[in-house]
Amino acid sequence: YYDFAYKLQLQDWRRWVQTGVADELLIQ
């Protein structure tokens, strides 16, 4: 989930979705 992914794992997946990096998303 985003707070954990961004702050603790440096994965800004919200931006990955916004910029078209990802075509599908499964949030753990």
ModelCIF file with pLDDT and N, C-alpha, C, O atoms, coordinates in Angstrom:
data_MODEL
#
_entry.id   MODEL 
#
_entity.id                         1 
_entity.type                       polymer 
_entity.pdbx_number_of_molecules   1 
#
_entity_poly.entity_id                      1 
_entity_poly.type                           'polypeptide(L)' 
_entity_poly.nstd_linkage                   no 
_entity_poly.nstd_monomer                   no 
_entity_poly.pdbx_seq_one_letter_code       YYDFAYKLQLQDWRRWVQTGVADELLIQ 
_entity_poly.pdbx_seq_one_letter_code_can   YYDFAYKLQLQDWRRWVQTGVADELLIQ 
_entity_poly.pdbx_strand_id                 A 
#
loop_
_entity_poly_seq.entity_id 
_entity_poly_seq.num 
_entity_poly_seq.mon_id 
_entity_poly_seq.hetero 
1 1  TYR n 
1 2  TYR n 
1 3  ASP n 
1 4  PHE n 
1 5  ALA n 
1 6  TYR n 
1 7  LYS n 
1 8  LEU n 
1 9  GLN n 
1 10 LEU n 
1 11 GLN n 
1 12 ASP n 
1 13 TRP n 
1 14 ARG n 
1 15 ARG n 
1 16 TRP n 
1 17 VAL n 
1 18 GLN n 
1 19 THR n 
1 20 GLY n 
1 21 VAL n 
1 22 ALA n 
1 23 ASP n 
1 24 GLU n 
1 25 LEU n 
1 26 LEU n 
1 27 ILE n 
1 28 GLN n 
#
_struct_asym.id          A 
_struct_asym.entity_id   1 
#
loop_
_ma_qa_metric.id 
_ma_qa_metric.mode 
_ma_qa_metric.name 
_ma_qa_metric.software_group_id 
_ma_qa_metric.type 
1 global pLDDT . pLDDT 
2 local  pLDDT . pLDDT 
#
_ma_qa_metric_global.metric_id      1 
_ma_qa_metric_global.metric_value   97.93 
_ma_qa_metric_global.model_id       1 
_ma_qa_metric_global.ordinal_id     1 
#
loop_
_ma_qa_metric_local.label_asym_id 
_ma_qa_metric_local.label_comp_id 
_ma_qa_metric_local.label_seq_id 
_ma_qa_metric_local.metric_id 
_ma_qa_metric_local.metric_value 
_ma_qa_metric_local.model_id 
_ma_qa_metric_local.ordinal_id 
A TYR 1  2 98.00 1 1  
A TYR 2  2 98.00 1 2  
A ASP 3  2 98.00 1 3  
A PHE 4  2 98.00 1 4  
A ALA 5  2 98.00 1 5  
A TYR 6  2 98.00 1 6  
A LYS 7  2 98.00 1 7  
A LEU 8  2 98.00 1 8  
A GLN 9  2 98.00 1 9  
A LEU 10 2 98.00 1 10 
A GLN 11 2 98.00 1 11 
A ASP 12 2 98.00 1 12 
A TRP 13 2 98.00 1 13 
A ARG 14 2 98.00 1 14 
A ARG 15 2 98.00 1 15 
A TRP 16 2 98.00 1 16 
A VAL 17 2 98.00 1 17 
A GLN 18 2 98.00 1 18 
A THR 19 2 97.00 1 19 
A GLY 20 2 97.00 1 20 
A VAL 21 2 98.00 1 21 
A ALA 22 2 98.00 1 22 
A ASP 23 2 98.00 1 23 
A GLU 24 2 98.00 1 24 
A LEU 25 2 98.00 1 25 
A LEU 26 2 98.00 1 26 
A ILE 27 2 98.00 1 27 
A GLN 28 2 98.00 1 28 
#
loop_
_atom_site.group_PDB 
_atom_site.id 
_atom_site.type_symbol 
_atom_site.label_atom_id 
_atom_site.label_alt_id 
_atom_site.label_comp_id 
_atom_site.label_asym_id 
_atom_site.label_entity_id 
_atom_site.label_seq_id 
_atom_site.pdbx_PDB_ins_code 
_atom_site.Cartn_x 
_atom_site.Cartn_y 
_atom_site.Cartn_z 
_atom_site.occupancy 
_atom_site.B_iso_or_equiv 
_atom_site.pdbx_formal_charge 
_atom_site.auth_seq_id 
_atom_site.auth_comp_id 
_atom_site.auth_asym_id 
_atom_site.auth_atom_id 
_atom_site.pdbx_PDB_model_num 
ATOM 1   N N  . TYR A 1 1  ? 0.848  -1.188 0.000   1.00 98.00 ? 1  TYR A N  1 
ATOM 2   C CA . TYR A 1 1  ? 0.000  0.000  0.000   1.00 98.00 ? 1  TYR A CA 1 
ATOM 3   C C  . TYR A 1 1  ? 0.889  1.246  0.000   1.00 98.00 ? 1  TYR A C  1 
ATOM 4   O O  . TYR A 1 1  ? 2.035  1.201  0.446   1.00 98.00 ? 1  TYR A O  1 
ATOM 5   N N  . TYR A 1 2  ? 0.351  2.347  -0.501  1.00 98.00 ? 2  TYR A N  1 
ATOM 6   C CA . TYR A 1 2  ? 1.194  3.445  -0.959  1.00 98.00 ? 2  TYR A CA 1 
ATOM 7   C C  . TYR A 1 2  ? 2.083  4.048  0.126   1.00 98.00 ? 2  TYR A C  1 
ATOM 8   O O  . TYR A 1 2  ? 3.276  4.238  -0.108  1.00 98.00 ? 2  TYR A O  1 
ATOM 9   N N  . ASP A 1 3  ? 1.547  4.350  1.290   1.00 98.00 ? 3  ASP A N  1 
ATOM 10  C CA . ASP A 1 3  ? 2.374  4.979  2.326   1.00 98.00 ? 3  ASP A CA 1 
ATOM 11  C C  . ASP A 1 3  ? 3.591  4.126  2.651   1.00 98.00 ? 3  ASP A C  1 
ATOM 12  O O  . ASP A 1 3  ? 4.700  4.637  2.806   1.00 98.00 ? 3  ASP A O  1 
ATOM 13  N N  . PHE A 1 4  ? 3.371  2.832  2.750   1.00 98.00 ? 4  PHE A N  1 
ATOM 14  C CA . PHE A 1 4  ? 4.468  1.909  3.052   1.00 98.00 ? 4  PHE A CA 1 
ATOM 15  C C  . PHE A 1 4  ? 5.425  1.831  1.866   1.00 98.00 ? 4  PHE A C  1 
ATOM 16  O O  . PHE A 1 4  ? 6.641  1.908  2.041   1.00 98.00 ? 4  PHE A O  1 
ATOM 17  N N  . ALA A 1 5  ? 4.875  1.678  0.657   1.00 98.00 ? 5  ALA A N  1 
ATOM 18  C CA . ALA A 1 5  ? 5.704  1.510  -0.536  1.00 98.00 ? 5  ALA A CA 1 
ATOM 19  C C  . ALA A 1 5  ? 6.591  2.724  -0.773  1.00 98.00 ? 5  ALA A C  1 
ATOM 20  O O  . ALA A 1 5  ? 7.777  2.579  -1.069  1.00 98.00 ? 5  ALA A O  1 
ATOM 21  N N  . TYR A 1 6  ? 6.024  3.917  -0.645  1.00 98.00 ? 6  TYR A N  1 
ATOM 22  C CA . TYR A 1 6  ? 6.794  5.124  -0.944  1.00 98.00 ? 6  TYR A CA 1 
ATOM 23  C C  . TYR A 1 6  ? 7.791  5.453  0.167   1.00 98.00 ? 6  TYR A C  1 
ATOM 24  O O  . TYR A 1 6  ? 8.967  5.683  -0.113  1.00 98.00 ? 6  TYR A O  1 
ATOM 25  N N  . LYS A 1 7  ? 7.346  5.478  1.401   1.00 98.00 ? 7  LYS A N  1 
ATOM 26  C CA . LYS A 1 7  ? 8.195  5.928  2.495   1.00 98.00 ? 7  LYS A CA 1 
ATOM 27  C C  . LYS A 1 7  ? 9.254  4.901  2.891   1.00 98.00 ? 7  LYS A C  1 
ATOM 28  O O  . LYS A 1 7  ? 10.358 5.276  3.288   1.00 98.00 ? 7  LYS A O  1 
ATOM 29  N N  . LEU A 1 8  ? 8.932  3.616  2.789   1.00 98.00 ? 8  LEU A N  1 
ATOM 30  C CA . LEU A 1 8  ? 9.852  2.587  3.268   1.00 98.00 ? 8  LEU A CA 1 
ATOM 31  C C  . LEU A 1 8  ? 10.550 1.821  2.148   1.00 98.00 ? 8  LEU A C  1 
ATOM 32  O O  . LEU A 1 8  ? 11.585 1.196  2.379   1.00 98.00 ? 8  LEU A O  1 
ATOM 33  N N  . GLN A 1 9  ? 9.992  1.862  0.931   1.00 98.00 ? 9  GLN A N  1 
ATOM 34  C CA . GLN A 1 9  ? 10.587 1.106  -0.166  1.00 98.00 ? 9  GLN A CA 1 
ATOM 35  C C  . GLN A 1 9  ? 10.900 1.976  -1.391  1.00 98.00 ? 9  GLN A C  1 
ATOM 36  O O  . GLN A 1 9  ? 11.400 1.482  -2.401  1.00 98.00 ? 9  GLN A O  1 
ATOM 37  N N  . LEU A 1 10 ? 10.601 3.271  -1.288  1.00 98.00 ? 10 LEU A N  1 
ATOM 38  C CA . LEU A 1 10 ? 10.916 4.244  -2.334  1.00 98.00 ? 10 LEU A CA 1 
ATOM 39  C C  . LEU A 1 10 ? 10.213 3.938  -3.653  1.00 98.00 ? 10 LEU A C  1 
ATOM 40  O O  . LEU A 1 10 ? 10.677 4.351  -4.716  1.00 98.00 ? 10 LEU A O  1 
ATOM 41  N N  . GLN A 1 11 ? 9.102  3.222  -3.588  1.00 98.00 ? 11 GLN A N  1 
ATOM 42  C CA . GLN A 1 11 ? 8.287  2.922  -4.772  1.00 98.00 ? 11 GLN A CA 1 
ATOM 43  C C  . GLN A 1 11 ? 7.145  3.932  -4.866  1.00 98.00 ? 11 GLN A C  1 
ATOM 44  O O  . GLN A 1 11 ? 6.155  3.830  -4.142  1.00 98.00 ? 11 GLN A O  1 
ATOM 45  N N  . ASP A 1 12 ? 7.288  4.883  -5.741  1.00 98.00 ? 12 ASP A N  1 
ATOM 46  C CA . ASP A 1 12 ? 6.231  5.876  -5.943  1.00 98.00 ? 12 ASP A CA 1 
ATOM 47  C C  . ASP A 1 12 ? 5.257  5.338  -7.000  1.00 98.00 ? 12 ASP A C  1 
ATOM 48  O O  . ASP A 1 12 ? 5.150  5.875  -8.102  1.00 98.00 ? 12 ASP A O  1 
ATOM 49  N N  . TRP A 1 13 ? 4.549  4.258  -6.629  1.00 98.00 ? 13 TRP A N  1 
ATOM 50  C CA . TRP A 1 13 ? 3.722  3.595  -7.639  1.00 98.00 ? 13 TRP A CA 1 
ATOM 51  C C  . TRP A 1 13 ? 2.536  4.445  -8.074  1.00 98.00 ? 13 TRP A C  1 
ATOM 52  O O  . TRP A 1 13 ? 1.975  4.209  -9.144  1.00 98.00 ? 13 TRP A O  1 
ATOM 53  N N  . ARG A 1 14 ? 2.148  5.412  -7.284  1.00 98.00 ? 14 ARG A N  1 
ATOM 54  C CA . ARG A 1 14 ? 1.085  6.314  -7.735  1.00 98.00 ? 14 ARG A CA 1 
ATOM 55  C C  . ARG A 1 14 ? 1.544  7.065  -8.991  1.00 98.00 ? 14 ARG A C  1 
ATOM 56  O O  . ARG A 1 14 ? 0.777  7.241  -9.937  1.00 98.00 ? 14 ARG A O  1 
ATOM 57  N N  . ARG A 1 15 ? 2.786  7.495  -8.979  1.00 98.00 ? 15 ARG A N  1 
ATOM 58  C CA . ARG A 1 15 ? 3.329  8.167  -10.161 1.00 98.00 ? 15 ARG A CA 1 
ATOM 59  C C  . ARG A 1 15 ? 3.516  7.177  -11.308 1.00 98.00 ? 15 ARG A C  1 
ATOM 60  O O  . ARG A 1 15 ? 3.351  7.533  -12.475 1.00 98.00 ? 15 ARG A O  1 
ATOM 61  N N  . TRP A 1 16 ? 3.862  5.932  -10.973 1.00 98.00 ? 16 TRP A N  1 
ATOM 62  C CA . TRP A 1 16 ? 4.006  4.925  -12.024 1.00 98.00 ? 16 TRP A CA 1 
ATOM 63  C C  . TRP A 1 16 ? 2.685  4.743  -12.771 1.00 98.00 ? 16 TRP A C  1 
ATOM 64  O O  . TRP A 1 16 ? 2.668  4.555  -13.988 1.00 98.00 ? 16 TRP A O  1 
ATOM 65  N N  . VAL A 1 17 ? 1.597  4.800  -12.035 1.00 98.00 ? 17 VAL A N  1 
ATOM 66  C CA . VAL A 1 17 ? 0.279  4.678  -12.667 1.00 98.00 ? 17 VAL A CA 1 
ATOM 67  C C  . VAL A 1 17 ? -0.027 5.933  -13.479 1.00 98.00 ? 17 VAL A C  1 
ATOM 68  O O  . VAL A 1 17 ? -0.485 5.845  -14.618 1.00 98.00 ? 17 VAL A O  1 
ATOM 69  N N  . GLN A 1 18 ? 0.226  7.090  -12.896 1.00 98.00 ? 18 GLN A N  1 
ATOM 70  C CA . GLN A 1 18 ? -0.098 8.358  -13.558 1.00 98.00 ? 18 GLN A CA 1 
ATOM 71  C C  . GLN A 1 18 ? 0.683  8.562  -14.844 1.00 98.00 ? 18 GLN A C  1 
ATOM 72  O O  . GLN A 1 18 ? 0.169  9.161  -15.789 1.00 98.00 ? 18 GLN A O  1 
ATOM 73  N N  . THR A 1 19 ? 1.916  8.076  -14.894 1.00 97.00 ? 19 THR A N  1 
ATOM 74  C CA . THR A 1 19 ? 2.778  8.320  -16.056 1.00 97.00 ? 19 THR A CA 1 
ATOM 75  C C  . THR A 1 19 ? 2.792  7.160  -17.049 1.00 97.00 ? 19 THR A C  1 
ATOM 76  O O  . THR A 1 19 ? 3.543  7.191  -18.024 1.00 97.00 ? 19 THR A O  1 
ATOM 77  N N  . GLY A 1 20 ? 1.980  6.152  -16.811 1.00 97.00 ? 20 GLY A N  1 
ATOM 78  C CA . GLY A 1 20 ? 1.858  5.066  -17.774 1.00 97.00 ? 20 GLY A CA 1 
ATOM 79  C C  . GLY A 1 20 ? 2.911  3.984  -17.671 1.00 97.00 ? 20 GLY A C  1 
ATOM 80  O O  . GLY A 1 20 ? 3.027  3.154  -18.573 1.00 97.00 ? 20 GLY A O  1 
ATOM 81  N N  . VAL A 1 21 ? 3.683  3.970  -16.592 1.00 98.00 ? 21 VAL A N  1 
ATOM 82  C CA . VAL A 1 21 ? 4.640  2.879  -16.404 1.00 98.00 ? 21 VAL A CA 1 
ATOM 83  C C  . VAL A 1 21 ? 3.900  1.551  -16.274 1.00 98.00 ? 21 VAL A C  1 
ATOM 84  O O  . VAL A 1 21 ? 4.310  0.542  -16.848 1.00 98.00 ? 21 VAL A O  1 
ATOM 85  N N  . ALA A 1 22 ? 2.801  1.560  -15.510 1.00 98.00 ? 22 ALA A N  1 
ATOM 86  C CA . ALA A 1 22 ? 2.061  0.339  -15.200 1.00 98.00 ? 22 ALA A CA 1 
ATOM 87  C C  . ALA A 1 22 ? 0.769  0.255  -16.000 1.00 98.00 ? 22 ALA A C  1 
ATOM 88  O O  . ALA A 1 22 ? 0.078  1.251  -16.214 1.00 98.00 ? 22 ALA A O  1 
ATOM 89  N N  . ASP A 1 23 ? 0.464  -0.964 -16.436 1.00 98.00 ? 23 ASP A N  1 
ATOM 90  C CA . ASP A 1 23 ? -0.786 -1.237 -17.139 1.00 98.00 ? 23 ASP A CA 1 
ATOM 91  C C  . ASP A 1 23 ? -1.807 -1.914 -16.243 1.00 98.00 ? 23 ASP A C  1 
ATOM 92  O O  . ASP A 1 23 ? -3.002 -1.891 -16.537 1.00 98.00 ? 23 ASP A O  1 
ATOM 93  N N  . GLU A 1 24 ? -1.353 -2.510 -15.165 1.00 98.00 ? 24 GLU A N  1 
ATOM 94  C CA . GLU A 1 24 ? -2.269 -3.078 -14.179 1.00 98.00 ? 24 GLU A CA 1 
ATOM 95  C C  . GLU A 1 24 ? -1.589 -3.050 -12.819 1.00 98.00 ? 24 GLU A C  1 
ATOM 96  O O  . GLU A 1 24 ? -0.363 -3.028 -12.718 1.00 98.00 ? 24 GLU A O  1 
ATOM 97  N N  . LEU A 1 25 ? -2.404 -3.052 -11.788 1.00 98.00 ? 25 LEU A N  1 
ATOM 98  C CA . LEU A 1 25 ? -1.922 -2.850 -10.425 1.00 98.00 ? 25 LEU A CA 1 
ATOM 99  C C  . LEU A 1 25 ? -2.608 -3.822 -9.483  1.00 98.00 ? 25 LEU A C  1 
ATOM 100 O O  . LEU A 1 25 ? -3.835 -3.928 -9.478  1.00 98.00 ? 25 LEU A O  1 
ATOM 101 N N  . LEU A 1 26 ? -1.819 -4.530 -8.687  1.00 98.00 ? 26 LEU A N  1 
ATOM 102 C CA . LEU A 1 26 ? -2.342 -5.371 -7.614  1.00 98.00 ? 26 LEU A CA 1 
ATOM 103 C C  . LEU A 1 26 ? -1.664 -4.924 -6.326  1.00 98.00 ? 26 LEU A C  1 
ATOM 104 O O  . LEU A 1 26 ? -0.464 -5.137 -6.148  1.00 98.00 ? 26 LEU A O  1 
ATOM 105 N N  . ILE A 1 27 ? -2.419 -4.308 -5.431  1.00 98.00 ? 27 ILE A N  1 
ATOM 106 C CA . ILE A 1 27 ? -1.865 -3.731 -4.207  1.00 98.00 ? 27 ILE A CA 1 
ATOM 107 C C  . ILE A 1 27 ? -1.897 -4.772 -3.091  1.00 98.00 ? 27 ILE A C  1 
ATOM 108 O O  . ILE A 1 27 ? -2.951 -5.327 -2.783  1.00 98.00 ? 27 ILE A O  1 
ATOM 109 N N  . GLN A 1 28 ? -0.750 -5.029 -2.494  1.00 98.00 ? 28 GLN A N  1 
ATOM 110 C CA . GLN A 1 28 ? -0.669 -6.016 -1.426  1.00 98.00 ? 28 GLN A CA 1 
ATOM 111 C C  . GLN A 1 28 ? -1.220 -5.431 -0.128  1.00 98.00 ? 28 GLN A C  1 
ATOM 112 O O  . GLN A 1 28 ? -1.239 -6.113 0.897   1.00 98.00 ? 28 GLN A O  1 
#
